[in-house]
Amino acid sequence: MKNIFINTIAILTLLLMVNCSKDDYSFGSIAAPSNLSVTYEIIGKTTETPNGDGSGKVKLIVKADDAISYKLIFPDGSSENAPSGIYQKLFTKVGLNTYTVTVIASGKGGITSTTTAEVTVLSTFSDDQAVAFLSGGTSKKWYFSASEKGHLGVGPNSANTAENYYPHWYQATAFEKAGASSSSCLYDNVLTFSMVGDQLKYSLDNGGRTFFNADYLSVGGGSGTEDACLDYAVSGTKSVVLSPSESVVTKNPDAATQTRGTLMTFSGGGFMGYYIGQSSYEILSITDNRMVVRAVMGGNAGVAWYHTFTTTKPTQVVAAVDYTNLVWSDEFNTDGAPDTAKWTYDLGTGNNGWGNNEKQTYTSNSENVVVSGGNLKITAKKSGSDYTSARLKSEGKYKFTYGKVEVRAKLPSGGGTWPAIWMLGSDYATNTWPGCGEIDIMEHKGNEQNVIHGTLHYPGNSGGNGNGKTTTIANASTEFHVYKTIWSPASVKIYVDDVLFHTVANNNSLPFNKDFFMILNVAMGGSFGGTIDTAFTQSSMEIDYVRVYQ
């Protein structure tokens, strides 16, 4: 029993010593990698072909003590990370050439060591015609051939020779990815091939937004199950390597008519507009102004994507449209408060007078907003030294994309009054103004009687720099007039009494291809309304109806 007790005390003492000892957080010595060496194996090397089989392929093997990773830099300006120290490089300059490869070994704490190696290898593959077509000898721009069926498509990457050389599963229709689609940034892509010395280079300008395959949304910081455009800019010029394709299509009996057999590989993760985790594209066909490529989807070897490009950017011709199907309206035929199934309110003074130094407080009181005698009346009133009014909106009740909006209204009068009939992008909470977009169908200043403003606000054209025009009418505050917009994928047109006075061309870069909701209000003063007449007591905007057609 005594021995057991003593042993127990000893064990407890040992545990206390261990637990009370100071934690060792040291990382060990930090030193540059040493014994850095580079060897290489030429693919296809035999006694008869000591410089390789003409493919230009070389397997580089890098080793060093205390190295964590390696980076290889090639004389064409491209570079590749090789954590394992093994990388197969394709050298494409025709003939027997010697290349200087720079190798950087990284150790703990980011300390590096550098060496170089001379690699001599034979390349017999060339496709000078493809290079000439791609670059035009100097520089050439390419665009998705959006007007063609199948400009974007997908099919199987299999040995089935009847379906592996074209988008067997899906072919996009003409301009399918335009308009309100979440993939509408695809047609903004500009692909440029150019010659720098004897090296083919490539750059992609996508306006800062990339169309991602659903499997790769996380790369752009997104999530979900549908392909989508995300804010993801690309930059930098990539080197282009041409090599013989070894795809399943090249094994087909009719391969000569189904593929050119030339593979393009872009350095630095370059890609051709649609992100599928792939940097190598097989040229199926190419002429001076049209190109079809095929790429096996990264991470899914059973799927191949197809892109068709043209050197003349397609223009979508949209016929003039009108919308005649009444889909939502309020005729204001029931006296009392506005219909709660259609309208809600903004209340209070907002931030900095609703962002415009406005002087009114918005309420839902009947003295400021009421339906009476077949009209909605929004009344701005002087209340002591302050002002009250109302702002109705269809947010949470009704929103829409594209259509014709007609509002028959009589405007208030008095210096400082600022009535507005307008629409706001429904994503304003996450896509802050002016990114969400704003369509002002009608704005009026009591200080400029009978002058009607129609304005669009969006990035680059917001606030006092809005894209707007004016027209002058008679009796704006004593007679009813119809204020109208026709909003389509092609344009936003603004009218008074069916007279067009402002048109803005719509396109994929503008925020006018998604849901908006309606707003009706009368503000007082502010940056637009201006000086309020000291004699002002009250005035109303009367609205006979609001109608939306699609």
Protein backbone atom coordinates (compact mmCIF):
# COMPACT_ATOMS: atom_id res chain seq x y z
CA MET A 1 0.00 0.00 0.00
CA LYS A 2 2.86 2.38 0.83
CA ASN A 3 4.50 1.74 -2.57
CA ILE A 4 1.22 2.45 -4.36
CA PHE A 5 0.87 5.72 -2.48
CA ILE A 6 4.44 6.78 -3.28
CA ASN A 7 4.03 5.86 -6.96
CA THR A 8 0.81 7.86 -7.12
CA ILE A 9 2.52 10.93 -5.67
CA ALA A 10 5.33 10.55 -8.22
CA ILE A 11 2.91 10.37 -11.13
CA LEU A 12 0.97 13.42 -9.94
CA THR A 13 4.21 15.34 -9.50
CA LEU A 14 5.28 14.43 -13.03
CA LEU A 15 1.92 15.54 -14.47
CA LEU A 16 2.13 18.85 -12.64
CA MET A 17 5.62 19.40 -13.99
CA VAL A 18 4.43 18.72 -17.52
CA ASN A 19 1.30 20.85 -17.24
CA CYS A 20 3.10 23.75 -15.58
CA SER A 21 5.94 23.80 -18.09
CA LYS A 22 5.97 26.69 -20.51
CA ASP A 23 4.50 25.92 -23.98
CA ASP A 24 7.10 25.80 -26.74
CA TYR A 25 5.85 27.89 -29.62
CA SER A 26 9.14 28.03 -31.50
CA PHE A 27 9.19 27.11 -35.17
CA GLY A 28 12.75 25.93 -35.19
CA SER A 29 15.60 27.63 -36.96
CA ILE A 30 14.79 29.80 -39.96
CA ALA A 31 17.30 29.28 -42.74
CA ALA A 32 17.36 29.49 -46.49
CA PRO A 33 16.86 26.17 -48.33
CA SER A 34 20.20 24.54 -49.10
CA ASN A 35 21.55 22.02 -51.62
CA LEU A 36 19.14 23.34 -54.25
CA SER A 37 19.39 21.27 -57.41
CA VAL A 38 17.51 20.95 -60.69
CA THR A 39 17.43 17.93 -62.96
CA TYR A 40 15.24 17.25 -65.95
CA GLU A 41 14.00 14.44 -68.13
CA ILE A 42 13.30 15.07 -71.82
CA ILE A 43 10.13 13.30 -72.86
CA GLY A 44 10.72 10.89 -75.74
CA LYS A 45 14.49 10.91 -75.32
CA THR A 46 16.19 7.84 -76.80
CA THR A 47 19.59 7.04 -78.18
CA GLU A 48 18.30 7.97 -81.62
CA THR A 49 16.47 11.11 -80.35
CA PRO A 50 18.68 12.55 -77.60
CA ASN A 51 16.80 15.88 -77.60
CA GLY A 52 13.33 14.39 -77.36
CA ASP A 53 10.56 13.28 -79.68
CA GLY A 54 9.79 16.78 -80.94
CA SER A 55 6.94 17.38 -78.51
CA GLY A 56 9.01 19.89 -76.53
CA LYS A 57 7.95 18.31 -73.24
CA VAL A 58 10.39 18.31 -70.32
CA LYS A 59 9.87 16.99 -66.79
CA LEU A 60 11.69 19.23 -64.29
CA ILE A 61 12.63 17.86 -60.88
CA VAL A 62 13.69 20.30 -58.15
CA LYS A 63 15.05 19.33 -54.74
CA ALA A 64 16.41 21.26 -51.75
CA ASP A 65 16.88 20.78 -48.04
CA ASP A 66 14.46 22.71 -45.79
CA ALA A 67 12.30 23.80 -48.75
CA ILE A 68 8.52 24.16 -48.43
CA SER A 69 7.67 24.94 -52.05
CA TYR A 70 9.19 25.82 -55.40
CA LYS A 71 8.50 28.32 -58.18
CA LEU A 72 9.79 27.94 -61.74
CA ILE A 73 10.20 30.98 -64.00
CA PHE A 74 10.53 30.44 -67.75
CA PRO A 75 12.04 32.70 -70.41
CA ASP A 76 8.67 33.28 -72.12
CA GLY A 77 7.61 35.28 -69.03
CA SER A 78 5.37 32.59 -67.56
CA SER A 79 5.86 31.04 -64.14
CA GLU A 80 4.43 28.09 -62.27
CA ASN A 81 4.31 27.01 -58.63
CA ALA A 82 5.41 23.43 -58.02
CA PRO A 83 4.93 22.53 -54.33
CA SER A 84 6.19 18.99 -54.92
CA GLY A 85 9.15 20.15 -56.95
CA ILE A 86 7.98 18.28 -60.05
CA TYR A 87 6.54 20.06 -63.09
CA GLN A 88 6.19 19.14 -66.76
CA LYS A 89 6.82 22.08 -69.08
CA LEU A 90 5.98 22.34 -72.75
CA PHE A 91 8.53 24.34 -74.77
CA THR A 92 7.12 25.31 -78.15
CA LYS A 93 9.71 27.34 -80.03
CA VAL A 94 10.31 25.33 -83.19
CA GLY A 95 13.74 23.74 -83.50
CA LEU A 96 16.44 22.72 -81.03
CA ASN A 97 16.60 25.43 -78.38
CA THR A 98 18.22 25.98 -75.01
CA TYR A 99 16.14 27.65 -72.30
CA THR A 100 17.25 29.13 -68.99
CA VAL A 101 14.88 28.14 -66.20
CA THR A 102 15.03 30.04 -62.91
CA VAL A 103 14.05 28.10 -59.80
CA ILE A 104 13.13 29.70 -56.47
CA ALA A 105 12.94 27.47 -53.38
CA SER A 106 11.01 28.89 -50.42
CA GLY A 107 11.69 27.85 -46.83
CA LYS A 108 10.37 28.76 -43.38
CA GLY A 109 9.64 32.42 -42.84
CA GLY A 110 9.64 33.10 -46.58
CA ILE A 111 13.44 32.76 -46.88
CA THR A 112 14.36 31.73 -50.43
CA SER A 113 17.22 30.31 -52.45
CA THR A 114 17.57 30.64 -56.21
CA THR A 115 19.34 28.77 -58.96
CA THR A 116 19.08 28.35 -62.72
CA ALA A 117 19.21 25.42 -65.09
CA GLU A 118 19.85 25.17 -68.82
CA VAL A 119 17.36 22.96 -70.67
CA THR A 120 17.92 21.91 -74.28
CA VAL A 121 14.99 20.28 -76.07
CA LEU A 122 13.62 19.81 -79.58
CA SER A 123 10.16 21.05 -80.64
CA THR A 124 8.87 20.27 -84.09
CA PHE A 125 5.22 21.34 -83.62
CA SER A 126 4.06 24.64 -85.09
CA ASP A 127 0.80 26.18 -86.19
CA ASP A 128 1.84 29.45 -87.76
CA GLN A 129 -1.50 29.84 -89.49
CA ALA A 130 -3.39 29.65 -86.19
CA VAL A 131 -1.03 32.23 -84.68
CA ALA A 132 -1.66 34.53 -87.66
CA PHE A 133 -5.42 34.06 -87.39
CA LEU A 134 -5.40 34.67 -83.63
CA SER A 135 -3.24 37.79 -83.60
CA GLY A 136 -3.55 39.17 -87.12
CA GLY A 137 0.23 39.35 -87.02
CA THR A 138 0.15 42.18 -84.46
CA SER A 139 -2.97 42.31 -82.29
CA LYS A 140 -6.58 41.24 -82.71
CA LYS A 141 -9.70 41.36 -80.52
CA TRP A 142 -12.22 38.52 -80.24
CA TYR A 143 -15.74 38.44 -78.79
CA PHE A 144 -18.28 35.75 -77.96
CA SER A 145 -20.30 35.17 -81.12
CA ALA A 146 -23.51 35.82 -79.20
CA SER A 147 -25.71 35.95 -82.31
CA GLU A 148 -24.89 32.30 -83.15
CA LYS A 149 -26.71 29.34 -81.69
CA GLY A 150 -24.24 27.29 -79.67
CA HIS A 151 -21.80 30.14 -78.99
CA LEU A 152 -21.74 28.59 -75.52
CA GLY A 153 -22.42 24.90 -75.16
CA VAL A 154 -21.58 21.71 -73.32
CA GLY A 155 -21.24 18.04 -74.21
CA PRO A 156 -19.66 14.79 -73.09
CA ASN A 157 -15.92 14.21 -72.99
CA SER A 158 -16.12 10.55 -73.91
CA ALA A 159 -15.00 8.06 -76.53
CA ASN A 160 -18.40 8.29 -78.22
CA THR A 161 -17.30 9.61 -81.61
CA ALA A 162 -20.86 10.58 -82.56
CA GLU A 163 -21.20 13.24 -79.86
CA ASN A 164 -17.82 14.23 -78.39
CA TYR A 165 -16.86 16.89 -80.92
CA TYR A 166 -19.75 19.38 -80.52
CA PRO A 167 -22.03 20.62 -77.68
CA HIS A 168 -24.32 17.61 -77.71
CA TRP A 169 -26.05 18.34 -74.39
CA TYR A 170 -26.77 22.06 -74.59
CA GLN A 171 -26.37 24.94 -77.06
CA ALA A 172 -27.17 28.52 -76.01
CA THR A 173 -29.57 30.36 -78.29
CA ALA A 174 -28.67 33.74 -79.80
CA PHE A 175 -28.07 36.30 -77.04
CA GLU A 176 -29.46 33.88 -74.48
CA LYS A 177 -27.13 35.23 -71.79
CA ALA A 178 -28.06 38.90 -72.31
CA GLY A 179 -30.58 41.11 -70.55
CA ALA A 180 -31.67 40.35 -67.00
CA SER A 181 -29.85 37.03 -66.85
CA SER A 182 -27.37 36.52 -64.01
CA SER A 183 -24.86 35.64 -66.75
CA SER A 184 -25.33 38.92 -68.64
CA CYS A 185 -21.67 39.92 -68.18
CA LEU A 186 -20.52 37.17 -70.56
CA TYR A 187 -20.91 39.31 -73.67
CA ASP A 188 -18.81 42.10 -72.18
CA ASN A 189 -15.67 39.98 -72.62
CA VAL A 190 -12.94 41.25 -74.97
CA LEU A 191 -10.21 38.71 -75.70
CA THR A 192 -7.01 40.10 -77.23
CA PHE A 193 -4.26 38.00 -78.85
CA SER A 194 -1.07 39.81 -79.76
CA MET A 195 2.50 39.16 -80.83
CA VAL A 196 5.33 40.35 -78.59
CA GLY A 197 8.49 39.47 -80.49
CA ASP A 198 7.98 35.85 -81.47
CA GLN A 199 5.79 35.11 -78.42
CA LEU A 200 1.98 34.88 -78.64
CA LYS A 201 0.32 36.75 -75.77
CA TYR A 202 -3.25 36.94 -74.48
CA SER A 203 -5.28 39.27 -72.28
CA LEU A 204 -8.92 39.27 -71.15
CA ASP A 205 -10.92 42.41 -70.42
CA ASN A 206 -14.19 41.46 -68.75
CA GLY A 207 -15.10 44.77 -67.13
CA GLY A 208 -14.40 43.43 -63.65
CA ARG A 209 -17.13 40.76 -63.72
CA THR A 210 -16.66 37.10 -64.52
CA PHE A 211 -19.23 34.51 -65.58
CA PHE A 212 -18.64 31.48 -63.33
CA ASN A 213 -19.69 27.89 -63.77
CA ALA A 214 -21.70 26.94 -60.68
CA ASP A 215 -18.99 24.50 -59.56
CA TYR A 216 -16.52 27.40 -59.27
CA LEU A 217 -18.63 30.14 -57.67
CA SER A 218 -16.51 29.92 -54.52
CA VAL A 219 -13.49 31.12 -56.51
CA GLY A 220 -15.28 34.44 -56.99
CA GLY A 221 -16.62 34.53 -53.45
CA GLY A 222 -20.09 33.32 -54.41
CA SER A 223 -22.28 30.31 -53.69
CA GLY A 224 -25.30 28.55 -55.14
CA THR A 225 -26.25 26.02 -57.77
CA GLU A 226 -26.63 28.27 -60.84
CA ASP A 227 -23.99 29.82 -63.09
CA ALA A 228 -23.62 33.52 -62.27
CA CYS A 229 -21.66 36.70 -62.89
CA LEU A 230 -19.59 37.82 -59.91
CA ASP A 231 -17.34 40.77 -59.24
CA TYR A 232 -14.01 39.17 -60.14
CA ALA A 233 -11.54 41.20 -62.15
CA VAL A 234 -8.79 39.63 -64.23
CA SER A 235 -5.58 41.36 -65.11
CA GLY A 236 -2.22 40.84 -66.67
CA THR A 237 -0.99 39.51 -69.97
CA LYS A 238 -0.67 35.74 -70.32
CA SER A 239 1.73 33.76 -72.47
CA VAL A 240 0.12 31.34 -74.93
CA VAL A 241 1.65 27.95 -75.68
CA LEU A 242 0.45 25.98 -78.72
CA SER A 243 0.89 22.21 -78.75
CA PRO A 244 -0.61 19.12 -80.36
CA SER A 245 -3.96 18.22 -78.83
CA GLU A 246 -4.35 14.72 -77.39
CA SER A 247 -8.12 14.96 -76.74
CA VAL A 248 -10.67 12.26 -77.41
CA VAL A 249 -11.69 14.17 -80.54
CA THR A 250 -8.26 13.65 -82.10
CA LYS A 251 -8.86 9.87 -81.80
CA ASN A 252 -12.09 10.02 -83.82
CA PRO A 253 -12.09 8.47 -87.35
CA ASP A 254 -13.25 11.85 -88.70
CA ALA A 255 -10.87 13.90 -86.53
CA ALA A 256 -9.50 15.75 -89.55
CA THR A 257 -12.88 17.43 -90.08
CA GLN A 258 -13.78 17.74 -86.39
CA THR A 259 -10.73 19.46 -84.91
CA ARG A 260 -7.68 21.41 -85.93
CA GLY A 261 -5.79 19.46 -83.30
CA THR A 262 -4.02 22.48 -81.80
CA LEU A 263 -4.15 23.03 -78.05
CA MET A 264 -3.81 26.54 -76.56
CA THR A 265 -2.57 26.77 -72.97
CA PHE A 266 -2.58 30.09 -71.12
CA SER A 267 -0.07 30.85 -68.38
CA GLY A 268 -1.06 32.10 -64.95
CA GLY A 269 -4.52 30.54 -64.90
CA GLY A 270 -5.75 32.45 -67.96
CA PHE A 271 -9.20 31.55 -69.27
CA MET A 272 -11.48 32.50 -72.16
CA GLY A 273 -14.27 34.41 -70.43
CA TYR A 274 -16.32 31.58 -68.87
CA TYR A 275 -14.64 30.27 -65.72
CA ILE A 276 -14.56 26.47 -65.72
CA GLY A 277 -11.28 25.89 -63.88
CA GLN A 278 -9.36 25.27 -67.11
CA SER A 279 -6.53 27.07 -68.91
CA SER A 280 -6.14 24.77 -71.95
CA TYR A 281 -8.43 25.01 -74.99
CA GLU A 282 -8.43 22.88 -78.10
CA ILE A 283 -8.94 24.79 -81.34
CA LEU A 284 -11.62 22.91 -83.27
CA SER A 285 -11.69 25.43 -86.12
CA ILE A 286 -10.36 28.90 -86.86
CA THR A 287 -10.49 31.40 -89.70
CA ASP A 288 -9.62 35.05 -89.93
CA ASN A 289 -12.85 36.06 -88.17
CA ARG A 290 -14.33 33.00 -86.43
CA MET A 291 -13.01 30.50 -83.89
CA VAL A 292 -14.48 27.48 -82.09
CA VAL A 293 -12.69 26.03 -79.06
CA ARG A 294 -13.28 23.10 -76.74
CA ALA A 295 -12.14 22.76 -73.12
CA VAL A 296 -12.48 19.90 -70.67
CA MET A 297 -13.97 21.23 -67.45
CA GLY A 298 -11.45 21.35 -64.62
CA GLY A 299 -12.35 18.83 -61.93
CA ASN A 300 -14.83 16.99 -64.15
CA ALA A 301 -13.09 15.08 -66.91
CA GLY A 302 -16.41 13.88 -68.31
CA VAL A 303 -17.60 17.35 -69.37
CA ALA A 304 -16.41 19.53 -72.27
CA TRP A 305 -17.42 23.13 -72.88
CA TYR A 306 -17.52 24.82 -76.30
CA HIS A 307 -17.08 28.52 -77.11
CA THR A 308 -17.51 30.28 -80.44
CA PHE A 309 -15.81 33.65 -81.00
CA THR A 310 -15.89 36.31 -83.69
CA THR A 311 -13.77 39.37 -84.45
CA THR A 312 -16.83 41.60 -84.94
CA LYS A 313 -18.75 42.16 -81.74
CA PRO A 314 -22.37 41.11 -82.33
CA THR A 315 -25.05 43.71 -81.71
CA GLN A 316 -28.39 42.58 -80.45
CA VAL A 317 -31.08 44.25 -82.52
CA VAL A 318 -34.16 44.60 -80.39
CA ALA A 319 -37.34 45.60 -82.14
CA ALA A 320 -39.17 48.61 -80.80
CA VAL A 321 -41.46 47.33 -78.10
CA ASP A 322 -44.59 48.41 -76.40
CA TYR A 323 -46.26 46.61 -73.55
CA THR A 324 -50.04 46.20 -73.62
CA ASN A 325 -50.90 43.58 -70.99
CA LEU A 326 -52.01 45.33 -67.78
CA VAL A 327 -50.36 43.40 -64.93
CA TRP A 328 -50.62 45.74 -61.93
CA SER A 329 -52.49 48.95 -61.20
CA ASP A 330 -54.18 51.13 -58.64
CA GLU A 331 -57.15 53.21 -59.81
CA PHE A 332 -57.66 54.82 -56.36
CA ASN A 333 -61.41 54.31 -56.44
CA THR A 334 -61.87 53.44 -52.76
CA ASP A 335 -61.85 56.39 -50.36
CA GLY A 336 -59.66 56.21 -47.27
CA ALA A 337 -56.09 55.13 -46.74
CA PRO A 338 -54.13 53.75 -49.73
CA ASP A 339 -54.51 50.02 -50.37
CA THR A 340 -52.14 48.22 -47.96
CA ALA A 341 -51.94 45.28 -50.37
CA LYS A 342 -50.20 47.58 -52.85
CA TRP A 343 -48.47 50.32 -50.87
CA THR A 344 -46.32 50.88 -47.83
CA TYR A 345 -44.53 53.99 -46.55
CA ASP A 346 -41.17 55.56 -45.90
CA LEU A 347 -41.48 57.50 -42.64
CA GLY A 348 -39.48 60.19 -40.87
CA THR A 349 -36.67 62.36 -42.16
CA GLY A 350 -34.30 59.66 -43.39
CA ASN A 351 -30.56 60.24 -43.36
CA ASN A 352 -29.55 63.84 -44.06
CA GLY A 353 -33.05 64.70 -45.27
CA TRP A 354 -33.27 61.51 -47.37
CA GLY A 355 -29.79 62.22 -48.69
CA ASN A 356 -30.81 65.51 -50.29
CA ASN A 357 -31.17 67.97 -47.37
CA GLU A 358 -34.96 67.77 -47.74
CA LYS A 359 -37.00 69.62 -45.12
CA GLN A 360 -40.11 67.46 -44.75
CA THR A 361 -41.00 64.68 -42.34
CA TYR A 362 -42.85 61.82 -44.03
CA THR A 363 -45.95 60.44 -42.28
CA SER A 364 -48.82 58.08 -43.03
CA ASN A 365 -51.37 60.50 -41.60
CA SER A 366 -54.54 61.19 -43.59
CA GLU A 367 -53.71 64.90 -43.69
CA ASN A 368 -50.66 63.96 -45.79
CA VAL A 369 -51.93 60.96 -47.76
CA VAL A 370 -55.46 59.91 -48.56
CA VAL A 371 -57.61 58.45 -51.35
CA SER A 372 -60.58 60.71 -52.05
CA GLY A 373 -62.90 61.25 -54.99
CA GLY A 374 -61.10 58.74 -57.21
CA ASN A 375 -57.63 60.23 -56.68
CA LEU A 376 -54.66 59.63 -54.41
CA LYS A 377 -53.66 62.90 -52.75
CA ILE A 378 -50.15 63.35 -51.34
CA THR A 379 -50.11 66.69 -49.51
CA ALA A 380 -47.08 68.63 -48.34
CA LYS A 381 -48.00 70.95 -45.45
CA LYS A 382 -46.28 73.57 -43.40
CA SER A 383 -46.37 72.61 -39.74
CA GLY A 384 -45.00 75.40 -37.58
CA SER A 385 -41.49 75.96 -38.85
CA ASP A 386 -41.37 72.46 -40.34
CA TYR A 387 -43.09 70.52 -43.12
CA THR A 388 -44.87 67.17 -43.38
CA SER A 389 -45.65 65.05 -46.44
CA ALA A 390 -45.85 61.41 -47.54
CA ARG A 391 -43.87 58.89 -49.57
CA LEU A 392 -45.61 55.74 -50.83
CA LYS A 393 -43.76 52.76 -52.28
CA SER A 394 -44.65 49.33 -53.63
CA GLU A 395 -41.56 47.75 -52.03
CA GLY A 396 -42.42 44.32 -50.67
CA LYS A 397 -45.78 44.48 -52.46
CA TYR A 398 -44.87 44.62 -56.15
CA LYS A 399 -41.69 44.73 -58.22
CA PHE A 400 -41.01 44.02 -61.88
CA THR A 401 -38.44 43.98 -64.67
CA TYR A 402 -39.29 45.79 -67.94
CA GLY A 403 -42.64 47.16 -68.92
CA LYS A 404 -44.65 50.32 -69.51
CA VAL A 405 -45.58 52.52 -66.55
CA GLU A 406 -48.30 55.16 -66.85
CA VAL A 407 -49.18 57.59 -64.06
CA ARG A 408 -51.87 60.23 -64.61
CA ALA A 409 -51.18 63.08 -62.21
CA LYS A 410 -51.63 66.74 -61.38
CA LEU A 411 -48.66 68.30 -59.66
CA PRO A 412 -48.44 70.55 -56.58
CA SER A 413 -47.46 74.19 -56.83
CA GLY A 414 -45.39 76.51 -54.71
CA GLY A 415 -41.72 77.32 -54.48
CA GLY A 416 -39.77 74.48 -52.91
CA THR A 417 -42.21 71.69 -53.76
CA TRP A 418 -40.55 68.63 -55.29
CA PRO A 419 -43.01 65.94 -56.44
CA ALA A 420 -41.62 62.73 -57.95
CA ILE A 421 -42.89 59.61 -59.68
CA TRP A 422 -39.99 57.17 -59.79
CA MET A 423 -38.61 53.66 -59.46
CA LEU A 424 -35.71 52.23 -57.43
CA GLY A 425 -33.76 49.00 -57.89
CA SER A 426 -35.15 46.50 -55.39
CA ASP A 427 -31.63 45.35 -54.42
CA TYR A 428 -30.74 48.80 -53.01
CA ALA A 429 -30.10 47.38 -49.52
CA THR A 430 -27.17 45.26 -50.75
CA ASN A 431 -26.32 47.13 -53.97
CA THR A 432 -26.14 50.62 -52.56
CA TRP A 433 -27.29 53.64 -54.56
CA PRO A 434 -26.46 54.49 -57.32
CA GLY A 435 -25.41 50.88 -58.01
CA CYS A 436 -29.02 49.72 -57.65
CA GLY A 437 -30.18 52.18 -60.31
CA GLU A 438 -32.98 54.77 -60.25
CA ILE A 439 -35.52 55.72 -62.94
CA ASP A 440 -37.19 59.10 -62.40
CA ILE A 441 -40.26 59.10 -64.63
CA MET A 442 -41.23 62.58 -63.47
CA GLU A 443 -39.67 65.19 -61.21
CA HIS A 444 -40.85 68.78 -60.91
CA LYS A 445 -39.66 71.91 -59.14
CA GLY A 446 -42.24 74.39 -57.90
CA ASN A 447 -39.56 77.00 -58.52
CA GLU A 448 -39.54 76.08 -62.24
CA GLN A 449 -43.21 75.74 -63.00
CA ASN A 450 -44.20 73.45 -65.93
CA VAL A 451 -40.63 72.11 -66.50
CA ILE A 452 -40.69 68.29 -66.27
CA HIS A 453 -37.51 66.30 -65.61
CA GLY A 454 -36.89 62.68 -66.66
CA THR A 455 -33.65 61.22 -65.30
CA LEU A 456 -31.76 57.95 -64.83
CA HIS A 457 -29.22 57.53 -62.02
CA TYR A 458 -26.51 54.85 -62.04
CA PRO A 459 -22.75 54.61 -61.35
CA GLY A 460 -21.01 57.45 -63.16
CA ASN A 461 -24.32 59.28 -63.70
CA SER A 462 -25.82 60.02 -60.30
CA GLY A 463 -26.89 62.96 -58.17
CA GLY A 464 -26.42 66.21 -60.07
CA ASN A 465 -24.76 64.26 -62.90
CA GLY A 466 -27.80 62.09 -63.64
CA ASN A 467 -28.57 61.14 -67.22
CA GLY A 468 -31.58 63.35 -67.76
CA LYS A 469 -33.49 65.79 -69.94
CA THR A 470 -36.40 68.18 -69.50
CA THR A 471 -39.51 69.15 -71.38
CA THR A 472 -41.92 72.04 -70.82
CA ILE A 473 -45.67 71.52 -70.70
CA ALA A 474 -48.65 73.77 -69.94
CA ASN A 475 -50.68 73.68 -66.74
CA ALA A 476 -48.64 71.04 -64.86
CA SER A 477 -50.29 72.01 -61.55
CA THR A 478 -53.82 72.71 -62.77
CA GLU A 479 -54.44 69.84 -65.20
CA PHE A 480 -53.78 66.10 -65.25
CA HIS A 481 -51.03 64.77 -67.55
CA VAL A 482 -49.84 61.23 -68.21
CA TYR A 483 -46.23 60.58 -67.19
CA LYS A 484 -44.92 57.43 -68.81
CA THR A 485 -41.85 55.27 -69.26
CA ILE A 486 -41.30 52.33 -71.60
CA TRP A 487 -38.49 50.26 -70.10
CA SER A 488 -37.04 47.39 -72.15
CA PRO A 489 -33.75 45.48 -72.53
CA ALA A 490 -32.90 47.92 -75.32
CA SER A 491 -33.74 51.29 -73.75
CA VAL A 492 -35.52 53.38 -71.15
CA LYS A 493 -37.81 55.96 -72.77
CA ILE A 494 -39.59 58.74 -70.87
CA TYR A 495 -42.72 60.55 -72.10
CA VAL A 496 -45.27 63.18 -71.12
CA ASP A 497 -48.69 62.78 -72.75
CA ASP A 498 -47.18 60.26 -75.21
CA VAL A 499 -44.51 62.75 -76.33
CA LEU A 500 -41.06 61.18 -76.01
CA PHE A 501 -38.47 63.57 -74.55
CA HIS A 502 -35.68 61.36 -73.19
CA THR A 503 -34.13 58.02 -74.22
CA VAL A 504 -31.28 56.11 -72.60
CA ALA A 505 -29.89 53.04 -74.37
CA ASN A 506 -29.91 50.05 -72.04
CA ASN A 507 -27.11 47.47 -71.95
CA ASN A 508 -25.65 44.76 -69.77
CA SER A 509 -23.37 47.15 -67.90
CA LEU A 510 -26.28 49.26 -66.58
CA PRO A 511 -28.39 48.32 -63.53
CA PHE A 512 -31.67 48.44 -65.50
CA ASN A 513 -32.06 44.72 -66.15
CA LYS A 514 -33.55 43.57 -62.85
CA ASP A 515 -36.50 44.21 -60.55
CA PHE A 516 -37.54 47.75 -59.55
CA PHE A 517 -40.40 49.02 -57.37
CA MET A 518 -42.56 52.19 -57.57
CA ILE A 519 -42.29 55.31 -55.39
CA LEU A 520 -44.65 58.34 -55.22
CA ASN A 521 -43.77 61.32 -53.02
CA VAL A 522 -43.72 65.08 -52.52
CA ALA A 523 -40.56 66.48 -50.94
CA MET A 524 -39.86 70.01 -49.80
CA GLY A 525 -36.70 71.98 -50.53
CA GLY A 526 -33.43 70.12 -50.59
CA SER A 527 -30.75 70.00 -53.27
CA PHE A 528 -33.33 69.70 -56.07
CA GLY A 529 -36.44 71.44 -54.72
CA GLY A 530 -34.53 74.56 -53.78
CA THR A 531 -35.72 77.51 -51.73
CA ILE A 532 -39.12 77.12 -50.09
CA ASP A 533 -41.51 80.03 -50.53
CA THR A 534 -42.12 81.61 -47.11
CA ALA A 535 -45.80 81.97 -48.03
CA PHE A 536 -46.21 78.24 -48.69
CA THR A 537 -48.87 76.54 -46.59
CA GLN A 538 -49.81 73.33 -48.42
CA SER A 539 -50.21 71.76 -51.86
CA SER A 540 -50.98 68.29 -53.21
CA MET A 541 -49.95 65.93 -55.96
CA GLU A 542 -53.11 64.21 -57.15
CA ILE A 543 -52.84 60.86 -58.92
CA ASP A 544 -55.70 59.42 -60.92
CA TYR A 545 -54.07 56.02 -61.55
CA VAL A 546 -50.83 54.03 -61.64
CA ARG A 547 -50.68 51.28 -64.30
CA VAL A 548 -47.96 48.78 -65.21
CA TYR A 549 -48.11 46.90 -68.51
CA GLN A 550 -45.92 44.03 -69.70
